[in-house]
């Protein structure tokens, strides 16, 4: 599967968790979104210059995304890359768990 396909694929389908109760799916999606957000924030904060970081800290929550977009014109691609990376990691973990479960059941 290409990165584009992974990015576009619904996370519920990608992880094959359609049978989970809706509240559990929502909880999982929220956790995944938080992981992606944390990773992107960390990546961007590490790349900001000190003076830019101070300016960022002065901004209100509503203005921060616009500020970051002005400093990182490639931010949309960074977000896409991070979403793909997290999805790949989760899919790989699910496969490992399935394989482990098959081995343990023998």
Protein backbone atom coordinates (compact mmCIF):
# COMPACT_ATOMS: atom_id res chain seq x y z
CA UNK A 1 0.00 0.00 0.00
CA UNK A 2 1.38 3.41 -0.95
CA UNK A 3 1.69 6.29 1.53
CA UNK A 4 -1.13 8.07 -0.31
CA UNK A 5 -3.39 5.04 0.09
CA UNK A 6 -2.47 4.73 3.75
CA UNK A 7 -3.19 8.42 4.33
CA UNK A 8 -6.57 8.21 2.61
CA UNK A 9 -7.65 4.94 4.19
CA UNK A 10 -10.04 5.24 7.10
CA UNK A 11 -8.15 4.39 10.30
CA UNK A 12 -10.97 2.14 11.51
CA UNK A 13 -10.74 0.10 8.29
CA UNK A 14 -6.95 0.18 8.26
CA UNK A 15 -6.82 -1.29 11.76
CA UNK A 16 -9.73 -3.63 11.04
CA UNK A 17 -11.59 -2.55 14.17
CA UNK A 18 -15.02 -2.04 12.60
CA UNK A 19 -16.54 -4.45 15.15
CA UNK A 20 -15.48 -2.39 18.16
CA UNK A 21 -18.27 -0.47 19.89
CA UNK A 22 -18.55 3.11 18.64
CA UNK A 23 -17.44 4.61 21.94
CA UNK A 24 -14.24 2.53 21.86
CA UNK A 25 -13.58 3.55 18.24
CA UNK A 26 -14.02 7.22 19.16
CA UNK A 27 -11.72 6.82 22.15
CA UNK A 28 -9.06 5.17 19.99
CA UNK A 29 -9.35 7.79 17.25
CA UNK A 30 -9.01 10.56 19.84
CA UNK A 31 -5.84 8.94 21.21
CA UNK A 32 -4.40 8.55 17.72
CA UNK A 33 -5.18 12.19 16.91
CA UNK A 34 -3.46 13.28 20.13
CA UNK A 35 -0.35 11.26 19.24
CA UNK A 36 -0.21 12.81 15.77
CA UNK A 37 -0.72 16.30 17.20
CA UNK A 38 2.00 15.80 19.81
CA UNK A 39 4.49 14.53 17.26
CA UNK A 40 3.80 17.37 14.84
CA UNK A 41 4.04 19.96 17.61
CA UNK A 42 7.31 18.53 18.85
CA UNK A 43 8.75 18.40 15.35
CA UNK A 44 7.76 22.00 14.61
CA UNK A 45 8.88 23.35 17.98
CA UNK A 46 12.28 21.73 17.55
CA UNK A 47 12.67 23.46 14.19
CA UNK A 48 11.60 26.93 15.34
CA UNK A 49 14.30 29.49 16.00
CA UNK A 50 14.44 30.82 19.56
CA UNK A 51 12.93 34.19 18.66
CA UNK A 52 10.15 32.48 16.68
CA UNK A 53 9.46 30.23 19.64
CA UNK A 54 9.08 33.24 21.95
CA UNK A 55 6.71 34.88 19.46
CA UNK A 56 4.69 31.66 19.22
CA UNK A 57 4.30 31.52 23.00
CA UNK A 58 2.79 35.03 23.02
CA UNK A 59 0.05 34.07 20.55
CA UNK A 60 -3.42 32.93 21.45
CA UNK A 61 -4.47 29.40 20.55
CA UNK A 62 -6.44 30.59 17.51
CA UNK A 63 -3.43 32.32 15.96
CA UNK A 64 -0.84 29.60 16.52
CA UNK A 65 -1.70 27.44 13.52
CA UNK A 66 -1.54 30.43 11.16
CA UNK A 67 1.79 31.43 12.66
CA UNK A 68 3.22 27.94 12.22
CA UNK A 69 1.90 27.76 8.66
CA UNK A 70 3.72 31.03 7.90
CA UNK A 71 6.97 29.62 9.32
CA UNK A 72 6.58 26.17 7.77
CA UNK A 73 5.10 26.39 4.26
CA UNK A 74 5.49 22.60 4.03
CA UNK A 75 3.36 22.05 7.15
CA UNK A 76 0.58 20.27 5.25
CA UNK A 77 3.12 17.74 3.99
CA UNK A 78 4.58 17.37 7.51
CA UNK A 79 1.10 16.59 8.83
CA UNK A 80 0.47 14.09 6.05
CA UNK A 81 3.84 12.42 6.69
CA UNK A 82 3.15 12.12 10.40
CA UNK A 83 -0.35 10.72 9.89
CA UNK A 84 1.05 8.10 7.50
CA UNK A 85 3.87 7.24 9.91
CA UNK A 86 1.48 6.75 12.84
CA UNK A 87 -0.94 4.69 10.75
CA UNK A 88 1.91 2.48 9.53
CA UNK A 89 3.12 1.96 13.10
CA UNK A 90 -0.36 1.05 14.30
CA UNK A 91 -1.03 -1.29 11.39
CA UNK A 92 2.33 -2.99 11.98
CA UNK A 93 1.55 -3.38 15.70
CA UNK A 94 -1.83 -4.91 14.88
CA UNK A 95 -0.15 -7.39 12.54
CA UNK A 96 2.40 -8.31 15.21
CA UNK A 97 -0.38 -8.84 17.75
CA UNK A 98 -2.30 -11.04 15.29
CA UNK A 99 0.80 -13.10 14.53
CA UNK A 100 1.58 -13.44 18.23
CA UNK A 101 -2.00 -14.53 18.96
CA UNK A 102 -1.80 -17.16 16.18
CA UNK A 103 1.51 -18.51 17.50
CA UNK A 104 0.24 -18.61 21.09
CA UNK A 105 -2.93 -20.45 20.08
CA UNK A 106 -0.97 -23.34 18.53
